[in-house]
Protein backbone atom coordinates (compact mmCIF):
# COMPACT_ATOMS: atom_id res chain seq x y z
CA MET A 1 120.33 97.82 84.28
CA SER A 2 116.90 96.59 85.33
CA VAL A 3 114.26 98.48 87.31
CA ALA A 4 114.88 96.09 90.16
CA ASP A 5 118.48 97.28 90.34
CA VAL A 6 117.37 100.93 90.67
CA VAL A 7 114.40 100.69 93.03
CA ALA A 8 115.16 99.31 96.47
CA PRO A 9 112.75 96.61 97.56
CA THR A 10 110.15 97.80 100.05
CA THR A 11 110.80 94.77 102.22
CA SER A 12 114.35 95.89 102.93
CA SER A 13 115.32 96.02 106.56
CA ASN A 14 116.43 99.61 105.88
CA ALA A 15 112.85 100.75 105.10
CA LEU A 16 111.79 103.72 107.22
CA ARG A 17 109.15 102.96 109.81
CA ALA A 18 107.35 105.32 112.17
CA GLN A 19 108.28 104.64 115.76
CA PRO A 20 106.07 105.17 118.83
CA ALA A 21 106.90 108.48 120.48
CA GLY A 22 105.53 107.79 123.96
CA LEU A 23 102.18 108.42 125.59
CA PHE A 24 103.00 111.89 126.90
CA HIS A 25 104.24 113.04 123.51
CA ASP A 26 101.12 111.66 121.81
CA ILE A 27 98.80 113.48 124.19
CA LYS A 28 100.82 116.68 123.95
CA ALA A 29 100.75 116.60 120.14
CA ILE A 30 96.99 116.02 119.96
CA ALA A 31 96.24 118.62 122.65
CA GLY A 32 98.50 121.18 120.98
CA ARG A 33 96.80 120.71 117.63
CA ALA A 34 93.37 120.98 119.26
CA LEU A 35 94.29 124.19 121.09
CA ARG A 36 95.79 125.75 117.96
CA GLY A 37 92.44 125.21 116.29
CA VAL A 38 90.51 127.19 118.91
CA PRO A 39 91.32 130.69 117.51
CA ARG A 40 90.08 129.50 114.11
CA ASP A 41 86.85 128.24 115.67
CA LEU A 42 85.82 131.09 117.96
CA GLU A 43 82.19 130.68 116.91
CA GLY A 44 82.29 127.44 118.88
CA VAL A 45 83.39 129.01 122.17
CA MET A 46 82.22 132.63 122.17
CA PRO A 47 78.41 132.13 121.93
CA PRO A 48 78.22 130.05 125.15
CA VAL A 49 80.05 132.78 127.06
CA PHE A 50 77.80 135.47 125.59
CA ILE A 51 74.69 133.46 126.49
CA ALA A 52 75.99 132.85 130.01
CA VAL A 53 76.77 136.53 130.60
CA PHE A 54 73.44 137.60 129.09
CA PHE A 55 71.35 135.31 131.28
CA PHE A 56 73.44 136.13 134.33
CA ILE A 57 72.66 139.84 133.95
CA VAL A 58 69.00 139.34 133.00
CA ASN A 59 68.24 136.79 135.71
CA VAL A 60 69.77 138.94 138.44
CA ALA A 61 67.92 142.02 137.21
CA THR A 62 64.63 140.10 136.98
CA LEU A 63 64.63 137.92 140.09
CA GLU A 64 66.93 139.54 142.65
CA ARG A 65 64.20 141.59 144.34
CA MET A 66 61.72 138.72 144.25
CA THR A 67 64.16 136.45 146.10
CA GLU A 68 64.75 138.98 148.88
CA SER A 69 61.73 137.43 150.65
CA ILE A 70 63.85 134.32 151.33
CA GLY A 71 65.45 136.31 154.12
CA GLY A 72 68.80 136.13 155.83
CA ASN A 73 71.87 137.29 153.95
CA PHE A 74 70.76 135.65 150.73
CA ASP A 75 72.82 137.02 147.82
CA TYR A 76 71.09 136.23 144.55
CA LYS A 77 74.06 137.37 142.46
CA ALA A 78 76.26 134.80 144.17
CA PHE A 79 73.46 132.25 143.85
CA GLN A 80 73.18 132.79 140.09
CA MET A 81 76.87 132.77 139.20
CA PRO A 82 77.27 128.96 139.22
CA THR A 83 74.28 128.68 136.87
CA ALA A 84 75.94 131.15 134.51
CA ILE A 85 79.22 129.24 134.70
CA LEU A 86 77.54 125.95 133.77
CA LEU A 87 75.80 127.64 130.84
CA GLY A 88 79.18 128.92 129.68
CA VAL A 89 81.19 125.71 129.84
CA THR A 90 78.75 122.85 129.27
CA GLY A 91 78.91 121.38 125.79
CA VAL A 92 82.04 123.31 124.84
CA SER A 93 84.56 120.83 123.43
CA ARG A 94 86.67 119.98 120.41
CA ALA A 95 84.19 117.29 119.37
CA PRO A 96 83.05 119.35 116.33
CA ALA A 97 86.69 119.52 115.20
CA LEU A 98 87.04 115.78 115.71
CA VAL A 99 83.99 115.07 113.58
CA LEU A 100 85.58 117.12 110.78
CA ASP A 101 88.69 114.95 111.13
CA VAL A 102 86.42 111.93 110.67
CA GLN A 103 84.84 113.42 107.57
CA ASN A 104 87.99 114.57 105.81
CA GLY A 105 89.86 111.33 106.53
CA TYR A 106 92.46 112.85 108.87
CA LEU A 107 91.42 110.53 111.70
CA ASP A 108 91.84 107.48 109.46
CA ARG A 109 95.32 108.64 108.51
CA LEU A 110 96.11 109.27 112.15
CA LEU A 111 95.03 105.75 113.02
CA MET A 112 97.60 104.42 110.55
CA THR A 113 100.40 105.87 112.69
CA PRO A 114 101.80 104.30 115.89
CA ILE A 115 99.95 106.85 118.04
CA ARG A 116 98.16 105.34 121.00
CA ARG A 117 94.47 105.27 120.21
CA PHE A 118 93.18 106.55 123.52
CA ALA A 119 95.69 109.43 123.38
CA ILE A 120 93.54 110.88 120.58
CA LEU A 121 90.66 111.41 122.98
CA ILE A 122 92.82 112.26 125.98
CA GLY A 123 94.62 114.95 123.99
CA HIS A 124 91.35 116.55 122.92
CA MET A 125 90.10 116.42 126.49
CA VAL A 126 93.22 118.14 127.82
CA ALA A 127 92.43 120.93 125.38
CA ASP A 128 88.80 120.94 126.54
CA VAL A 129 89.75 121.41 130.19
CA THR A 130 92.08 124.27 129.24
CA VAL A 131 89.38 126.01 127.20
CA ALA A 132 86.72 125.48 129.89
CA MET A 133 88.93 127.06 132.56
CA ALA A 134 89.55 130.03 130.27
CA LEU A 135 85.82 130.46 129.62
CA THR A 136 85.06 130.78 133.34
CA VAL A 137 87.25 133.89 133.60
CA PRO A 138 84.97 136.50 131.95
CA ILE A 139 81.96 135.22 133.89
CA LEU A 140 83.86 135.34 137.16
CA LEU A 141 85.11 138.84 136.37
CA LEU A 142 81.54 139.97 135.78
CA GLY A 143 80.53 138.43 139.09
CA PHE A 144 83.34 140.23 140.91
CA ALA A 145 82.37 143.48 139.17
CA ILE A 146 78.80 143.31 140.50
CA GLY A 147 79.89 142.45 144.01
CA VAL A 148 80.17 138.67 144.28
CA ARG A 149 82.84 137.58 146.76
CA PHE A 150 84.07 134.08 147.62
CA ASP A 151 83.88 133.09 151.29
CA THR A 152 86.58 130.52 150.53
CA GLY A 153 89.04 133.06 149.13
CA VAL A 154 91.48 132.48 146.30
CA LEU A 155 91.64 128.72 146.87
CA GLY A 156 87.88 128.63 146.59
CA VAL A 157 88.05 130.38 143.22
CA VAL A 158 90.57 127.78 142.03
CA ALA A 159 88.36 124.93 143.26
CA PHE A 160 85.34 126.56 141.63
CA ILE A 161 87.12 126.75 138.26
CA GLY A 162 88.35 123.18 138.65
CA LEU A 163 84.89 121.76 139.35
CA ALA A 164 83.40 123.68 136.43
CA ALA A 165 86.11 122.43 134.08
CA LEU A 166 85.70 118.82 135.24
CA TRP A 167 81.95 119.05 134.70
CA SER A 168 82.56 120.42 131.20
CA LEU A 169 84.87 117.49 130.52
CA ALA A 170 82.39 114.93 131.86
CA PHE A 171 79.65 116.29 129.61
CA ALA A 172 81.99 116.53 126.61
CA GLY A 173 82.22 112.74 126.53
CA PHE A 174 78.73 112.62 124.98
CA GLY A 175 79.85 114.91 122.16
CA TYR A 176 82.87 112.75 121.39
CA ALA A 177 80.74 109.61 121.46
CA ILE A 178 78.34 111.12 118.92
CA ALA A 179 81.20 112.46 116.79
CA LEU A 180 82.94 109.08 116.56
CA LYS A 181 79.75 107.07 116.19
CA THR A 182 77.97 109.16 113.57
CA GLY A 183 80.54 111.45 111.95
CA ASN A 184 77.66 113.96 111.72
CA PRO A 185 78.41 117.62 112.59
CA ALA A 186 74.72 118.47 113.09
CA ALA A 187 74.33 115.66 115.62
CA VAL A 188 77.42 116.82 117.51
CA ASN A 189 76.28 120.45 117.57
CA SER A 190 72.96 119.43 119.09
CA THR A 191 74.66 117.81 122.10
CA PHE A 192 74.09 120.92 124.22
CA LEU A 193 70.33 120.31 123.96
CA LEU A 194 70.86 117.30 126.23
CA PHE A 195 71.88 119.70 128.99
CA PHE A 196 68.74 121.84 129.01
CA PRO A 197 66.57 119.40 131.00
CA PHE A 198 69.44 118.90 133.45
CA LEU A 199 69.79 122.65 133.99
CA PHE A 200 66.18 123.72 134.29
CA LEU A 201 64.88 120.75 136.30
CA THR A 202 67.01 121.78 139.23
CA THR A 203 67.85 124.71 141.52
CA SER A 204 69.10 126.89 138.69
CA TYR A 205 66.96 129.92 139.58
CA VAL A 206 65.72 129.51 143.16
CA PRO A 207 66.81 127.50 146.21
CA ARG A 208 65.48 123.99 146.53
CA SER A 209 63.25 125.00 149.44
CA GLN A 210 61.30 127.23 147.04
CA LEU A 211 60.62 124.54 144.42
CA SER A 212 57.21 122.96 144.00
CA PRO A 213 57.03 119.40 145.40
CA TRP A 214 57.22 117.59 142.05
CA LEU A 215 60.17 119.67 140.87
CA ASP A 216 61.94 119.19 144.20
CA THR A 217 61.61 115.42 143.70
CA VAL A 218 63.02 115.62 140.17
CA ALA A 219 65.84 117.89 141.32
CA GLY A 220 66.79 115.28 143.90
CA PHE A 221 67.68 112.87 141.09
CA ASN A 222 69.40 115.51 138.97
CA PRO A 223 73.23 115.54 139.24
CA VAL A 224 73.29 119.24 138.32
CA THR A 225 71.50 120.03 141.60
CA TYR A 226 74.45 118.72 143.61
CA LEU A 227 77.01 120.37 141.36
CA LEU A 228 75.27 123.73 141.76
CA GLU A 229 75.10 123.32 145.54
CA GLY A 230 78.80 122.48 145.68
CA LEU A 231 79.75 125.50 143.59
CA ARG A 232 77.49 127.77 145.63
CA SER A 233 79.01 126.56 148.88
CA LEU A 234 82.42 127.77 147.66
CA VAL A 235 80.96 131.21 147.03
CA SER A 236 78.59 131.73 149.93
CA THR A 237 79.07 129.32 152.85
CA GLY A 238 82.71 128.25 152.95
CA TRP A 239 84.33 124.83 152.68
CA GLU A 240 81.29 122.59 152.96
CA TRP A 241 82.97 119.24 152.36
CA GLY A 242 79.71 117.35 152.23
CA GLU A 243 78.38 119.55 149.44
CA LEU A 244 81.69 119.44 147.59
CA GLY A 245 81.78 115.65 147.90
CA LYS A 246 78.30 115.38 146.38
CA ALA A 247 79.35 117.70 143.55
CA ALA A 248 82.43 115.58 142.85
CA LEU A 249 80.32 112.41 142.93
CA ALA A 250 77.83 113.90 140.46
CA ILE A 251 80.68 114.71 138.08
CA ALA A 252 82.16 111.24 138.54
CA VAL A 253 78.86 109.48 137.80
CA LEU A 254 78.17 111.50 134.67
CA GLY A 255 81.80 111.23 133.58
CA THR A 256 81.80 107.45 133.99
CA VAL A 257 78.79 107.16 131.69
CA SER A 258 80.03 109.63 129.06
CA MET A 259 83.63 108.39 129.00
CA SER A 260 82.51 104.78 128.69
CA MET A 261 80.43 105.81 125.69
CA CYS A 262 83.12 107.85 123.94
CA PHE A 263 85.93 105.32 124.40
CA ALA A 264 83.59 102.55 123.22
CA ALA A 265 82.83 104.69 120.16
CA LEU A 266 86.56 105.13 119.57
CA ARG A 267 87.11 101.36 119.67
CA GLY A 268 84.28 100.92 117.18
CA ARG A 269 85.77 103.55 114.88
CA VAL A 270 89.20 101.87 115.05
CA LYS A 271 87.69 98.48 114.15
CA ARG A 272 85.84 99.95 111.18
CA GLY A 273 89.04 101.64 110.03
């Protein structure tokens, strides 16, 4: 008996082949794996929350009395909470985990399967939105504990969390672009540094009317300014649809840029693979 009689030819029509499982299943599988990795990577999500809570407490303690001169019913605690939220959720993503997949070859093996390529990023982003919403909770609880109340009620809290999570997702696109383009963990971890100019060249600490003229001009071009104003309107002034529309537009503009970059990087990674 020859070897050919024992070993079935690989070209047989009976050979097992992986079959596409459907877009929803692909996204669910990727998102589930990404979320299961979060408890093993708490050092990637806990420091931003700690920093946000720390600066929230310190900024209120330092500047609350100084801002009383603004007059009216100005509540500096409510004013500062959106800044703390953005500190807590911006730059938090599963991009560092994805870059490890690039390094250890898991992504290349994944690309050999019938999984839809864009589902890889969409699945990670579903996980990112889930994590970002969870990270807003301790900061909101601290705000409630020190007396912050939403003029828009429970629905306003939900909208607040949603806007924060969408902003986190829009910014995360830069991290994924760097992860897929470079495969360098250090480069991915430095993504948050891109946010610092956006945060501090805006109304992060005082209202726009109190900014110096040059900073007021810069803040006018800064998308974070409009996001902060939208979030603050939910807390302090009610359903200001104009402010919320500007906040949504700021997220959309940044998201369009970042998502274009990360999906382009994914296509480049697929071609190289």
